[in-house]
Amino acid sequence: MEEIKQQPDVVTKNTANRFQPGHPKYGGRKKRSPQMVRELADKLGVDPIQFLLKKVIAGETFTEVRIAADGKTKTRVEVPVTLDMKMEACRIVSGYLYPKLSTTQVTGKDEGPIAVAALDITAILQNPELAQAAQRLALGLAAQKAARPALLAPALPAPESAPKDPLANIRKNSLGHWES
């Protein structure tokens, strides 16, 4: 029969290698701001985006320095730019040229589904007189909206300054289309 080892009831934390509160920080990565990186690039006279655009994306080859196994011999070699290198450079550069799109989740009331209003116009379209009246109404509303400046004029004009009937000059042409 196999023996089952039981784990201890109390678990203690290992606190032997911990610093005391308030000690100075040693080692680790030095934080650099984007401004510090820009200043360093200006000081060295380099522009990584310009390099990617000129040498990798627009170029066919670029110069690479290869160091021999002895660590002393250096050789300059022309290396072809592969399609994978160009695609990666394009991906990197496009992040600086075009805005990143973000998604927005659209939900209805109380995080529920979106309510969709539907209008069944089959009864209107089956009756030619109703279809003609609906078309005249839509054209009239569009003409009225175009006639008033946005946000400056009231939605409904005052009775004394009402424009002439926008539907008065609307007629069907020989093709059956409405025109004014």
Protein backbone atom coordinates (compact mmCIF):
# COMPACT_ATOMS: atom_id res chain seq x y z
CA MET A 1 0.00 0.00 0.00
CA GLU A 2 1.29 3.48 -0.97
CA GLU A 3 1.91 6.10 1.63
CA ILE A 4 0.32 9.50 1.06
CA LYS A 5 2.43 12.42 2.22
CA GLN A 6 0.44 15.13 3.89
CA GLN A 7 1.33 18.77 3.37
CA PRO A 8 1.88 21.01 6.38
CA ASP A 9 -1.13 22.93 7.65
CA VAL A 10 0.68 26.26 7.90
CA VAL A 11 2.39 27.90 4.92
CA THR A 12 4.96 30.58 5.69
CA LYS A 13 6.44 33.13 3.29
CA ASN A 14 10.16 33.19 2.61
CA THR A 15 11.25 36.62 3.87
CA ALA A 16 15.00 35.94 4.05
CA ASN A 17 15.91 37.69 0.76
CA ARG A 18 13.76 40.79 1.05
CA PHE A 19 14.95 44.37 1.32
CA GLN A 20 13.88 46.57 4.16
CA PRO A 21 11.24 49.22 3.33
CA GLY A 22 12.71 52.46 2.00
CA HIS A 23 15.98 50.99 0.65
CA PRO A 24 17.51 52.53 -2.51
CA LYS A 25 16.92 50.75 -5.81
CA TYR A 26 19.93 49.06 -7.39
CA GLY A 27 20.23 47.80 -10.97
CA GLY A 28 17.33 47.34 -13.32
CA ARG A 29 16.38 49.13 -16.49
CA LYS A 30 16.87 52.87 -16.72
CA LYS A 31 13.67 54.58 -17.78
CA ARG A 32 13.97 56.71 -20.88
CA SER A 33 11.30 59.04 -22.12
CA PRO A 34 10.51 59.40 -25.84
CA GLN A 35 11.98 62.90 -25.66
CA MET A 36 15.31 61.48 -24.39
CA VAL A 37 15.35 58.99 -27.28
CA ARG A 38 14.65 61.78 -29.81
CA GLU A 39 17.50 63.87 -28.37
CA LEU A 40 19.86 60.90 -28.55
CA ALA A 41 18.87 60.21 -32.18
CA ASP A 42 19.47 63.89 -33.03
CA LYS A 43 22.85 63.82 -31.27
CA LEU A 44 23.91 60.71 -33.22
CA GLY A 45 22.42 62.05 -36.46
CA VAL A 46 20.19 59.04 -37.11
CA ASP A 47 16.53 58.72 -37.99
CA PRO A 48 15.17 55.15 -37.81
CA ILE A 49 12.02 55.94 -39.80
CA GLN A 50 14.08 57.53 -42.58
CA PHE A 51 16.36 54.46 -42.62
CA LEU A 52 13.38 52.11 -42.93
CA LEU A 53 11.84 54.19 -45.71
CA LYS A 54 15.03 54.76 -47.75
CA LYS A 55 17.08 51.63 -47.25
CA VAL A 56 14.57 48.86 -46.57
CA ILE A 57 11.31 49.80 -48.27
CA ALA A 58 12.64 51.79 -51.26
CA GLY A 59 16.00 50.03 -51.60
CA GLU A 60 16.93 46.71 -53.15
CA THR A 61 20.08 46.12 -51.06
CA PHE A 62 21.76 47.55 -47.99
CA THR A 63 25.29 47.36 -46.60
CA GLU A 64 25.89 45.05 -43.66
CA VAL A 65 29.11 44.68 -41.64
CA ARG A 66 30.01 41.08 -40.87
CA ILE A 67 32.57 40.25 -38.19
CA ALA A 68 34.64 37.09 -38.59
CA ALA A 69 34.93 34.40 -35.90
CA ASP A 70 38.24 35.82 -34.68
CA GLY A 71 36.40 39.05 -33.76
CA LYS A 72 38.92 41.25 -35.55
CA THR A 73 38.19 40.98 -39.26
CA LYS A 74 35.29 43.11 -40.50
CA THR A 75 33.82 42.83 -43.99
CA ARG A 76 31.21 45.02 -45.66
CA VAL A 77 28.66 42.98 -47.62
CA GLU A 78 25.72 44.06 -49.80
CA VAL A 79 22.65 42.18 -48.59
CA PRO A 80 19.43 41.97 -50.65
CA VAL A 81 16.26 43.27 -49.04
CA THR A 82 13.76 40.42 -48.87
CA LEU A 83 10.01 40.79 -49.20
CA ASP A 84 9.62 39.79 -45.54
CA MET A 85 11.97 42.61 -44.51
CA LYS A 86 10.03 45.11 -46.60
CA MET A 87 6.69 43.95 -45.17
CA GLU A 88 7.96 44.22 -41.58
CA ALA A 89 9.37 47.70 -42.27
CA CYS A 90 6.04 48.77 -43.80
CA ARG A 91 4.19 47.46 -40.74
CA ILE A 92 6.47 49.43 -38.40
CA VAL A 93 6.41 52.68 -40.42
CA SER A 94 2.64 52.60 -40.98
CA GLY A 95 2.14 52.84 -37.20
CA TYR A 96 3.69 56.31 -37.36
CA LEU A 97 1.98 57.47 -40.55
CA TYR A 98 -1.63 56.38 -39.99
CA PRO A 99 -3.84 56.56 -36.90
CA LYS A 100 -4.71 53.35 -35.15
CA LEU A 101 -8.41 52.56 -35.27
CA SER A 102 -10.16 51.47 -32.13
CA THR A 103 -13.39 49.58 -31.72
CA THR A 104 -16.40 50.67 -29.73
CA GLN A 105 -18.94 48.20 -28.51
CA VAL A 106 -22.47 49.39 -29.14
CA THR A 107 -25.17 48.01 -26.89
CA GLY A 108 -28.75 48.81 -26.14
CA LYS A 109 -30.34 49.83 -22.88
CA ASP A 110 -28.76 48.20 -19.79
CA GLU A 111 -26.07 46.47 -21.90
CA GLY A 112 -28.83 44.61 -23.75
CA PRO A 113 -29.36 44.17 -27.48
CA ILE A 114 -29.84 47.13 -29.78
CA ALA A 115 -33.46 47.92 -30.55
CA VAL A 116 -34.10 48.18 -34.28
CA ALA A 117 -37.14 50.03 -35.57
CA ALA A 118 -38.59 48.60 -38.75
CA LEU A 119 -41.18 50.17 -41.02
CA ASP A 120 -43.18 48.01 -43.38
CA ILE A 121 -43.85 50.14 -46.47
CA THR A 122 -45.26 47.41 -48.67
CA ALA A 123 -48.81 48.76 -48.18
CA ILE A 124 -47.65 52.24 -49.28
CA LEU A 125 -45.79 50.91 -52.31
CA GLN A 126 -48.71 48.74 -53.44
CA ASN A 127 -50.99 51.78 -53.71
CA PRO A 128 -49.69 54.14 -56.47
CA GLU A 129 -51.38 57.22 -54.94
CA LEU A 130 -49.81 56.59 -51.51
CA ALA A 131 -46.41 55.93 -53.10
CA GLN A 132 -46.63 59.19 -55.04
CA ALA A 133 -47.66 61.13 -51.92
CA ALA A 134 -44.80 59.59 -49.88
CA GLN A 135 -42.32 60.47 -52.62
CA ARG A 136 -43.56 64.06 -52.80
CA LEU A 137 -43.35 64.34 -49.01
CA ALA A 138 -39.75 63.03 -48.95
CA LEU A 139 -38.67 65.39 -51.76
CA GLY A 140 -40.37 68.31 -50.05
CA LEU A 141 -38.65 67.60 -46.74
CA ALA A 142 -35.31 67.31 -48.52
CA ALA A 143 -35.85 70.62 -50.36
CA GLN A 144 -36.91 72.34 -47.13
CA LYS A 145 -33.87 71.03 -45.27
CA ALA A 146 -31.54 72.20 -48.07
CA ALA A 147 -33.16 75.64 -48.17
CA ARG A 148 -32.48 76.52 -44.52
CA PRO A 149 -28.93 76.98 -43.21
CA ALA A 150 -27.89 74.33 -40.69
CA LEU A 151 -28.58 75.24 -37.07
CA LEU A 152 -29.32 78.89 -37.86
CA ALA A 153 -32.94 78.81 -39.01
CA PRO A 154 -35.73 77.30 -36.92
CA ALA A 155 -36.98 73.87 -37.96
CA LEU A 156 -40.38 75.29 -38.92
CA PRO A 157 -40.49 78.75 -40.52
CA ALA A 158 -42.78 81.38 -39.06
CA PRO A 159 -46.14 81.65 -40.94
CA GLU A 160 -45.42 85.17 -42.23
CA SER A 161 -42.01 84.21 -43.65
CA ALA A 162 -43.02 80.78 -45.00
CA PRO A 163 -41.47 80.01 -48.40
CA LYS A 164 -43.62 79.07 -51.32
CA ASP A 165 -44.71 75.46 -51.61
CA PRO A 166 -41.61 73.39 -52.49
CA LEU A 167 -43.83 70.70 -54.03
CA ALA A 168 -45.55 73.07 -56.43
CA ASN A 169 -42.97 72.65 -59.23
CA ILE A 170 -42.25 68.92 -58.82
CA ARG A 171 -43.33 66.84 -61.83
CA LYS A 172 -42.56 63.45 -63.33
CA ASN A 173 -40.41 63.51 -66.45
CA SER A 174 -40.78 61.19 -69.44
CA LEU A 175 -38.80 58.45 -67.67
CA GLY A 176 -41.09 58.54 -64.65
CA HIS A 177 -38.54 60.27 -62.38
CA TRP A 178 -39.42 63.21 -60.18
CA GLU A 179 -37.79 66.53 -61.01
CA SER A 180 -38.35 70.14 -60.08
